[in-house]
PDB file of N, CA and C in Angstrom:
ATOM      1  N   MET A   1       1.940  -5.177  -6.222  1.00  0.00           N
ATOM      2  CA  MET A   1       2.022  -3.732  -6.367  1.00  0.00           C
ATOM      3  C   MET A   1       1.578  -3.078  -5.068  1.00  0.00           C
ATOM      4  N   SER A   2       2.011  -1.869  -4.863  1.00  0.00           N
ATOM      5  CA  SER A   2       1.614  -1.173  -3.650  1.00  0.00           C
ATOM      6  C   SER A   2       1.141   0.239  -3.981  1.00  0.00           C
ATOM      7  N   VAL A   3       0.677   0.912  -2.949  1.00  0.00           N
ATOM      8  CA  VAL A   3       0.122   2.251  -3.075  1.00  0.00           C
ATOM      9  C   VAL A   3       1.110   3.251  -2.475  1.00  0.00           C
ATOM     10  N   TYR A   4       1.346   4.344  -3.188  1.00  0.00           N
ATOM     11  CA  TYR A   4       2.182   5.435  -2.693  1.00  0.00           C
ATOM     12  C   TYR A   4       1.280   6.430  -1.978  1.00  0.00           C
ATOM     13  N   VAL A   5       1.677   6.851  -0.789  1.00  0.00           N
ATOM     14  CA  VAL A   5       0.932   7.843  -0.022  1.00  0.00           C
ATOM     15  C   VAL A   5       1.872   9.006   0.243  1.00  0.00           C
ATOM     16  N   GLY A   6       1.614  10.136  -0.394  1.00  0.00           N
ATOM     17  CA  GLY A   6       2.471  11.296  -0.249  1.00  0.00           C
ATOM     18  C   GLY A   6       1.807  12.407   0.542  1.00  0.00           C
ATOM     19  N   ASN A   7       2.607  13.410   0.905  1.00  0.00           N
ATOM     20  CA  ASN A   7       2.180  14.575   1.666  1.00  0.00           C
ATOM     21  C   ASN A   7       1.678  14.173   3.052  1.00  0.00           C
ATOM     22  N   LEU A   8       2.306  13.168   3.635  1.00  0.00           N
ATOM     23  CA  LEU A   8       1.940  12.713   4.974  1.00  0.00           C
ATOM     24  C   LEU A   8       2.464  13.662   6.034  1.00  0.00           C
ATOM     25  N   SER A   9       1.726  13.759   7.112  1.00  0.00           N
ATOM     26  CA  SER A   9       2.207  14.479   8.285  1.00  0.00           C
ATOM     27  C   SER A   9       3.432  13.753   8.817  1.00  0.00           C
ATOM     28  N   TYR A  10       4.388  14.513   9.315  1.00  0.00           N
ATOM     29  CA  TYR A  10       5.586  13.895   9.889  1.00  0.00           C
ATOM     30  C   TYR A  10       5.266  13.183  11.201  1.00  0.00           C
ATOM     31  N   ASP A  11       4.073  13.416  11.743  1.00  0.00           N
ATOM     32  CA  ASP A  11       3.651  12.761  12.981  1.00  0.00           C
ATOM     33  C   ASP A  11       2.912  11.446  12.721  1.00  0.00           C
ATOM     34  N   ALA A  12       2.616  11.129  11.462  1.00  0.00           N
ATOM     35  CA  ALA A  12       1.859   9.915  11.129  1.00  0.00           C
ATOM     36  C   ALA A  12       2.705   8.673  11.422  1.00  0.00           C
ATOM     37  N   THR A  13       2.079   7.693  12.055  1.00  0.00           N
ATOM     38  CA  THR A  13       2.761   6.428  12.360  1.00  0.00           C
ATOM     39  C   THR A  13       2.246   5.335  11.421  1.00  0.00           C
ATOM     40  N   ASP A  14       2.937   4.214  11.411  1.00  0.00           N
ATOM     41  CA  ASP A  14       2.488   3.052  10.635  1.00  0.00           C
ATOM     42  C   ASP A  14       1.049   2.694  11.015  1.00  0.00           C
ATOM     43  N   GLU A  15       0.778   2.717  12.314  1.00  0.00           N
ATOM     44  CA  GLU A  15      -0.548   2.348  12.814  1.00  0.00           C
ATOM     45  C   GLU A  15      -1.623   3.328  12.331  1.00  0.00           C
ATOM     46  N   ASP A  16      -1.318   4.630  12.344  1.00  0.00           N
ATOM     47  CA  ASP A  16      -2.273   5.631  11.849  1.00  0.00           C
ATOM     48  C   ASP A  16      -2.640   5.349  10.400  1.00  0.00           C
ATOM     49  N   ILE A  17      -1.636   5.095   9.592  1.00  0.00           N
ATOM     50  CA  ILE A  17      -1.841   4.854   8.159  1.00  0.00           C
ATOM     51  C   ILE A  17      -2.605   3.551   7.947  1.00  0.00           C
ATOM     52  N   GLU A  18      -2.219   2.515   8.675  1.00  0.00           N
ATOM     53  CA  GLU A  18      -2.906   1.231   8.548  1.00  0.00           C
ATOM     54  C   GLU A  18      -4.389   1.372   8.895  1.00  0.00           C
ATOM     55  N   ASN A  19      -4.708   2.126   9.935  1.00  0.00           N
ATOM     56  CA  ASN A  19      -6.105   2.309  10.339  1.00  0.00           C
ATOM     57  C   ASN A  19      -6.925   2.990   9.248  1.00  0.00           C
ATOM     58  N   VAL A  20      -6.355   3.961   8.566  1.00  0.00           N
ATOM     59  CA  VAL A  20      -7.069   4.660   7.490  1.00  0.00           C
ATOM     60  C   VAL A  20      -7.318   3.713   6.313  1.00  0.00           C
ATOM     61  N   PHE A  21      -6.301   2.967   5.907  1.00  0.00           N
ATOM     62  CA  PHE A  21      -6.422   2.083   4.747  1.00  0.00           C
ATOM     63  C   PHE A  21      -7.249   0.836   5.044  1.00  0.00           C
ATOM     64  N   ALA A  22      -7.316   0.425   6.296  1.00  0.00           N
ATOM     65  CA  ALA A  22      -8.064  -0.777   6.667  1.00  0.00           C
ATOM     66  C   ALA A  22      -9.555  -0.633   6.367  1.00  0.00           C
ATOM     67  N   GLU A  23     -10.042   0.587   6.239  1.00  0.00           N
ATOM     68  CA  GLU A  23     -11.450   0.804   5.891  1.00  0.00           C
ATOM     69  C   GLU A  23     -11.759   0.310   4.477  1.00  0.00           C
ATOM     70  N   TYR A  24     -10.723   0.097   3.660  1.00  0.00           N
ATOM     71  CA  TYR A  24     -10.917  -0.277   2.255  1.00  0.00           C
ATOM     72  C   TYR A  24     -10.454  -1.696   1.953  1.00  0.00           C
ATOM     73  N   GLY A  25     -10.008  -2.439   2.972  1.00  0.00           N
ATOM     74  CA  GLY A  25      -9.592  -3.812   2.764  1.00  0.00           C
ATOM     75  C   GLY A  25      -8.504  -4.228   3.743  1.00  0.00           C
ATOM     76  N   THR A  26      -7.908  -5.362   3.452  1.00  0.00           N
ATOM     77  CA  THR A  26      -6.871  -5.927   4.312  1.00  0.00           C
ATOM     78  C   THR A  26      -5.517  -5.313   3.975  1.00  0.00           C
ATOM     79  N   VAL A  27      -4.898  -4.710   4.971  1.00  0.00           N
ATOM     80  CA  VAL A  27      -3.575  -4.109   4.795  1.00  0.00           C
ATOM     81  C   VAL A  27      -2.530  -5.168   5.120  1.00  0.00           C
ATOM     82  N   LYS A  28      -1.697  -5.483   4.127  1.00  0.00           N
ATOM     83  CA  LYS A  28      -0.648  -6.484   4.323  1.00  0.00           C
ATOM     84  C   LYS A  28       0.599  -5.874   4.953  1.00  0.00           C
ATOM     85  N   ARG A  29       0.926  -4.630   4.543  1.00  0.00           N
ATOM     86  CA  ARG A  29       2.160  -4.012   5.029  1.00  0.00           C
ATOM     87  C   ARG A  29       2.108  -2.507   4.849  1.00  0.00           C
ATOM     88  N   VAL A  30       2.683  -1.793   5.800  1.00  0.00           N
ATOM     89  CA  VAL A  30       2.864  -0.341   5.707  1.00  0.00           C
ATOM     90  C   VAL A  30       4.345  -0.067   5.889  1.00  0.00           C
ATOM     91  N   GLN A  31       4.914   0.711   4.988  1.00  0.00           N
ATOM     92  CA  GLN A  31       6.336   1.051   5.072  1.00  0.00           C
ATOM     93  C   GLN A  31       6.464   2.576   5.042  1.00  0.00           C
ATOM     94  N   VAL A  32       7.003   3.144   6.116  1.00  0.00           N
ATOM     95  CA  VAL A  32       7.209   4.584   6.219  1.00  0.00           C
ATOM     96  C   VAL A  32       8.715   4.828   6.273  1.00  0.00           C
ATOM     97  N   PRO A  33       9.315   5.241   5.153  1.00  0.00           N
ATOM     98  CA  PRO A  33      10.765   5.450   5.137  1.00  0.00           C
ATOM     99  C   PRO A  33      11.214   6.605   6.032  1.00  0.00           C
ATOM    100  N   ASN A  34      12.364   6.421   6.660  1.00  0.00           N
ATOM    101  CA  ASN A  34      12.979   7.461   7.481  1.00  0.00           C
ATOM    102  C   ASN A  34      14.198   8.017   6.759  1.00  0.00           C
ATOM    103  N   ASP A  35      14.503   9.276   7.030  1.00  0.00           N
ATOM    104  CA  ASP A  35      15.700   9.907   6.502  1.00  0.00           C
ATOM    105  C   ASP A  35      16.913   9.244   7.151  1.00  0.00           C
ATOM    106  N   ARG A  36      17.895   8.875   6.366  1.00  0.00           N
ATOM    107  CA  ARG A  36      19.076   8.176   6.890  1.00  0.00           C
ATOM    108  C   ARG A  36      19.876   9.026   7.864  1.00  0.00           C
ATOM    109  N   GLU A  37      19.947  10.323   7.597  1.00  0.00           N
ATOM    110  CA  GLU A  37      20.780  11.186   8.428  1.00  0.00           C
ATOM    111  C   GLU A  37      20.084  11.651   9.699  1.00  0.00           C
ATOM    112  N   THR A  38      18.810  12.013   9.599  1.00  0.00           N
ATOM    113  CA  THR A  38      18.108  12.575  10.757  1.00  0.00           C
ATOM    114  C   THR A  38      17.236  11.567  11.486  1.00  0.00           C
ATOM    115  N   GLY A  39      16.846  10.488  10.797  1.00  0.00           N
ATOM    116  CA  GLY A  39      15.958   9.506  11.401  1.00  0.00           C
ATOM    117  C   GLY A  39      14.492   9.914  11.362  1.00  0.00           C
ATOM    118  N   ARG A  40      14.202  11.120  10.860  1.00  0.00           N
ATOM    119  CA  ARG A  40      12.820  11.598  10.774  1.00  0.00           C
ATOM    120  C   ARG A  40      12.079  10.923   9.631  1.00  0.00           C
ATOM    121  N   VAL A  41      10.775  10.832   9.801  1.00  0.00           N
ATOM    122  CA  VAL A  41       9.909  10.334   8.735  1.00  0.00           C
ATOM    123  C   VAL A  41      10.040  11.276   7.546  1.00  0.00           C
ATOM    124  N   ARG A  42      10.014  10.732   6.331  1.00  0.00           N
ATOM    125  CA  ARG A  42      10.260  11.535   5.135  1.00  0.00           C
ATOM    126  C   ARG A  42       8.996  12.123   4.510  1.00  0.00           C
ATOM    127  N   GLY A  43       7.828  11.854   5.077  1.00  0.00           N
ATOM    128  CA  GLY A  43       6.606  12.479   4.582  1.00  0.00           C
ATOM    129  C   GLY A  43       5.866  11.672   3.526  1.00  0.00           C
ATOM    130  N   PHE A  44       6.256  10.412   3.349  1.00  0.00           N
ATOM    131  CA  PHE A  44       5.521   9.547   2.430  1.00  0.00           C
ATOM    132  C   PHE A  44       5.593   8.118   2.942  1.00  0.00           C
ATOM    133  N   ALA A  45       4.744   7.259   2.363  1.00  0.00           N
ATOM    134  CA  ALA A  45       4.707   5.859   2.786  1.00  0.00           C
ATOM    135  C   ALA A  45       4.262   4.994   1.617  1.00  0.00           C
ATOM    136  N   PHE A  46       4.430   3.695   1.792  1.00  0.00           N
ATOM    137  CA  PHE A  46       3.927   2.712   0.842  1.00  0.00           C
ATOM    138  C   PHE A  46       3.019   1.760   1.606  1.00  0.00           C
ATOM    139  N   VAL A  47       1.863   1.479   1.025  1.00  0.00           N
ATOM    140  CA  VAL A  47       0.896   0.574   1.653  1.00  0.00           C
ATOM    141  C   VAL A  47       0.621  -0.553   0.678  1.00  0.00           C
ATOM    142  N   GLU A  48       0.739  -1.774   1.171  1.00  0.00           N
ATOM    143  CA  GLU A  48       0.446  -2.951   0.356  1.00  0.00           C
ATOM    144  C   GLU A  48      -0.841  -3.568   0.891  1.00  0.00           C
ATOM    145  N   MET A  49      -1.797  -3.779  -0.012  1.00  0.00           N
ATOM    146  CA  MET A  49      -3.083  -4.344   0.385  1.00  0.00           C
ATOM    147  C   MET A  49      -3.256  -5.728  -0.222  1.00  0.00           C
ATOM    148  N   GLU A  50      -4.258  -6.434   0.248  1.00  0.00           N
ATOM    149  CA  GLU A  50      -4.486  -7.826  -0.141  1.00  0.00           C
ATOM    150  C   GLU A  50      -4.753  -7.978  -1.640  1.00  0.00           C
ATOM    151  N   THR A  51      -5.603  -7.109  -2.214  1.00  0.00           N
ATOM    152  CA  THR A  51      -5.956  -7.235  -3.634  1.00  0.00           C
ATOM    153  C   THR A  51      -5.825  -5.897  -4.347  1.00  0.00           C
ATOM    154  N   GLU A  52      -5.739  -5.964  -5.666  1.00  0.00           N
ATOM    155  CA  GLU A  52      -5.682  -4.735  -6.464  1.00  0.00           C
ATOM    156  C   GLU A  52      -6.990  -3.958  -6.391  1.00  0.00           C
ATOM    157  N   ASP A  53      -8.116  -4.663  -6.244  1.00  0.00           N
ATOM    158  CA  ASP A  53      -9.408  -3.979  -6.097  1.00  0.00           C
ATOM    159  C   ASP A  53      -9.434  -3.139  -4.823  1.00  0.00           C
ATOM    160  N   GLU A  54      -8.875  -3.678  -3.739  1.00  0.00           N
ATOM    161  CA  GLU A  54      -8.806  -2.921  -2.482  1.00  0.00           C
ATOM    162  C   GLU A  54      -7.895  -1.711  -2.637  1.00  0.00           C
ATOM    163  N   GLU A  55      -6.782  -1.896  -3.325  1.00  0.00           N
ATOM    164  CA  GLU A  55      -5.877  -0.774  -3.570  1.00  0.00           C
ATOM    165  C   GLU A  55      -6.584   0.309  -4.373  1.00  0.00           C
ATOM    166  N   ALA A  56      -7.293  -0.090  -5.422  1.00  0.00           N
ATOM    167  CA  ALA A  56      -7.998   0.877  -6.270  1.00  0.00           C
ATOM    168  C   ALA A  56      -9.060   1.630  -5.465  1.00  0.00           C
ATOM    169  N   ALA A  57      -9.779   0.927  -4.604  1.00  0.00           N
ATOM    170  CA  ALA A  57     -10.807   1.574  -3.779  1.00  0.00           C
ATOM    171  C   ALA A  57     -10.175   2.584  -2.826  1.00  0.00           C
ATOM    172  N   ALA A  58      -9.048   2.230  -2.228  1.00  0.00           N
ATOM    173  CA  ALA A  58      -8.360   3.133  -1.307  1.00  0.00           C
ATOM    174  C   ALA A  58      -7.832   4.366  -2.040  1.00  0.00           C
ATOM    175  N   ILE A  59      -7.257   4.163  -3.225  1.00  0.00           N
ATOM    176  CA  ILE A  59      -6.740   5.290  -4.013  1.00  0.00           C
ATOM    177  C   ILE A  59      -7.867   6.258  -4.343  1.00  0.00           C
ATOM    178  N   GLU A  60      -8.967   5.732  -4.838  1.00  0.00           N
ATOM    179  CA  GLU A  60     -10.082   6.586  -5.231  1.00  0.00           C
ATOM    180  C   GLU A  60     -10.657   7.342  -4.030  1.00  0.00           C
ATOM    181  N   ALA A  61     -10.767   6.672  -2.897  1.00  0.00           N
ATOM    182  CA  ALA A  61     -11.381   7.281  -1.721  1.00  0.00           C
ATOM    183  C   ALA A  61     -10.463   8.262  -0.997  1.00  0.00           C
ATOM    184  N   LEU A  62      -9.158   8.015  -1.000  1.00  0.00           N
ATOM    185  CA  LEU A  62      -8.253   8.783  -0.144  1.00  0.00           C
ATOM    186  C   LEU A  62      -7.438   9.860  -0.852  1.00  0.00           C
ATOM    187  N   ASP A  63      -7.324   9.826  -2.168  1.00  0.00           N
ATOM    188  CA  ASP A  63      -6.534  10.832  -2.876  1.00  0.00           C
ATOM    189  C   ASP A  63      -7.165  12.206  -2.669  1.00  0.00           C
ATOM    190  N   GLY A  64      -6.404  13.120  -2.091  1.00  0.00           N
ATOM    191  CA  GLY A  64      -6.874  14.482  -1.854  1.00  0.00           C
ATOM    192  C   GLY A  64      -7.574  14.692  -0.524  1.00  0.00           C
ATOM    193  N   VAL A  65      -7.781  13.624   0.240  1.00  0.00           N
ATOM    194  CA  VAL A  65      -8.469  13.715   1.532  1.00  0.00           C
ATOM    195  C   VAL A  65      -7.520  14.288   2.584  1.00  0.00           C
ATOM    196  N   GLU A  66      -8.065  15.109   3.481  1.00  0.00           N
ATOM    197  CA  GLU A  66      -7.253  15.658   4.556  1.00  0.00           C
ATOM    198  C   GLU A  66      -7.036  14.605   5.637  1.00  0.00           C
ATOM    199  N   PHE A  67      -5.780  14.428   6.036  1.00  0.00           N
ATOM    200  CA  PHE A  67      -5.400  13.490   7.081  1.00  0.00           C
ATOM    201  C   PHE A  67      -4.326  14.139   7.927  1.00  0.00           C
ATOM    202  N   MET A  68      -4.597  14.318   9.192  1.00  0.00           N
ATOM    203  CA  MET A  68      -3.662  14.940  10.131  1.00  0.00           C
ATOM    204  C   MET A  68      -3.206  16.319   9.632  1.00  0.00           C
ATOM    205  N   GLY A  69      -4.153  17.063   9.065  1.00  0.00           N
ATOM    206  CA  GLY A  69      -3.871  18.434   8.653  1.00  0.00           C
ATOM    207  C   GLY A  69      -3.249  18.601   7.280  1.00  0.00           C
ATOM    208  N   ARG A  70      -3.103  17.527   6.528  1.00  0.00           N
ATOM    209  CA  ARG A  70      -2.503  17.618   5.188  1.00  0.00           C
ATOM    210  C   ARG A  70      -3.350  16.839   4.191  1.00  0.00           C
ATOM    211  N   ASN A  71      -3.404  17.318   2.950  1.00  0.00           N
ATOM    212  CA  ASN A  71      -4.143  16.624   1.889  1.00  0.00           C
ATOM    213  C   ASN A  71      -3.257  15.539   1.295  1.00  0.00           C
ATOM    214  N   LEU A  72      -3.709  14.309   1.406  1.00  0.00           N
ATOM    215  CA  LEU A  72      -2.930  13.168   0.928  1.00  0.00           C
ATOM    216  C   LEU A  72      -2.859  13.110  -0.584  1.00  0.00           C
ATOM    217  N   LYS A  73      -1.762  12.616  -1.092  1.00  0.00           N
ATOM    218  CA  LYS A  73      -1.587  12.287  -2.502  1.00  0.00           C
ATOM    219  C   LYS A  73      -1.448  10.774  -2.545  1.00  0.00           C
ATOM    220  N   VAL A  74      -2.454  10.095  -3.098  1.00  0.00           N
ATOM    221  CA  VAL A  74      -2.477   8.633  -3.073  1.00  0.00           C
ATOM    222  C   VAL A  74      -2.596   8.112  -4.501  1.00  0.00           C
ATOM    223  N   ASN A  75      -1.645   7.273  -4.915  1.00  0.00           N
ATOM    224  CA  ASN A  75      -1.701   6.657  -6.242  1.00  0.00           C
ATOM    225  C   ASN A  75      -0.907   5.357  -6.258  1.00  0.00           C
ATOM    226  N   LYS A  76      -0.965   4.664  -7.394  1.00  0.00           N
ATOM    227  CA  LYS A  76      -0.189   3.423  -7.554  1.00  0.00           C
ATOM    228  C   LYS A  76       1.290   3.757  -7.437  1.00  0.00           C
ATOM    229  N   ALA A  77       2.000   2.936  -6.685  1.00  0.00           N
ATOM    230  CA  ALA A  77       3.446   3.130  -6.566  1.00  0.00           C
ATOM    231  C   ALA A  77       4.108   2.722  -7.870  1.00  0.00           C
ATOM    232  N   ARG A  78       5.100   3.490  -8.270  1.00  0.00           N
ATOM    233  CA  ARG A  78       5.878   3.146  -9.461  1.00  0.00           C
ATOM    234  C   ARG A  78       7.135   2.403  -9.030  1.00  0.00           C
ATOM    235  N   PRO A  79       7.652   1.551  -9.890  1.00  0.00           N
ATOM    236  CA  PRO A  79       8.902   0.848  -9.549  1.00  0.00           C
ATOM    237  C   PRO A  79      10.028   1.843  -9.295  1.00  0.00           C
ATOM    238  N   ARG A  80      10.877   1.510  -8.362  1.00  0.00           N
ATOM    239  CA  ARG A  80      11.993   2.373  -8.009  1.00  0.00           C
ATOM    240  C   ARG A  80      12.940   2.491  -9.192  1.00  0.00           C
ATOM    241  N   GLU A  81      13.356   3.714  -9.491  1.00  0.00           N
ATOM    242  CA  GLU A  81      14.287   3.939 -10.594  1.00  0.00           C
ATOM    243  C   GLU A  81      15.709   3.787 -10.088  1.00  0.00           C
ATOM    244  N   GLU A  82      16.528   3.188 -10.900  1.00  0.00           N
ATOM    245  CA  GLU A  82      17.943   3.044 -10.545  1.00  0.00           C
ATOM    246  C   GLU A  82      18.611   4.399 -10.647  1.00  0.00           C
ATOM    247  N   ARG A  83      19.413   4.695  -9.640  1.00  0.00           N
ATOM    248  CA  ARG A  83      20.165   5.946  -9.642  1.00  0.00           C
ATOM    249  C   ARG A  83      21.625   5.648  -9.947  1.00  0.00           C
ATOM    250  N   GLY A  84      22.274   6.617 -10.530  1.00  0.00           N
ATOM    251  CA  GLY A  84      23.703   6.468 -10.761  1.00  0.00           C
ATOM    252  C   GLY A  84      24.462   6.605  -9.450  1.00  0.00           C
ATOM    253  N   GLY A  85      25.601   5.966  -9.339  1.00  0.00           N
ATOM    254  CA  GLY A  85      26.397   6.055  -8.126  1.00  0.00           C
ATOM    255  C   GLY A  85      27.072   7.402  -7.987  1.00  0.00           C
ATOM    256  N   ARG A  86      27.490   7.723  -6.788  1.00  0.00           N
ATOM    257  CA  ARG A  86      28.193   8.990  -6.559  1.00  0.00           C
ATOM    258  C   ARG A  86      29.629   8.876  -7.054  1.00  0.00           C
ATOM    259  N   ARG A  87      30.146   9.987  -7.499  1.00  0.00           N
ATOM    260  CA  ARG A  87      31.518   9.988  -8.012  1.00  0.00           C
ATOM    261  C   ARG A  87      32.406  10.853  -7.169  1.00  0.00           C
TER     262      ARG A  87
END
């Protein structure tokens, strides 16, 4: 399972996010999706940590905290929902 990080600054890099989460445990992976059309960061990320305890500690500590001028929204990531195809 991974952690969803919302309301990110568009200037936040993978390294910035990893540094913040590393205070709560071992960060296995940071994924910052880009917009397909513009290439810009979409304002959210997913962070995968070594253990669920580390994820829980990071969620509790970082949800609502100001980071790069914005209050983060941090919670357990939900499985991606299937979307219908375009017609």
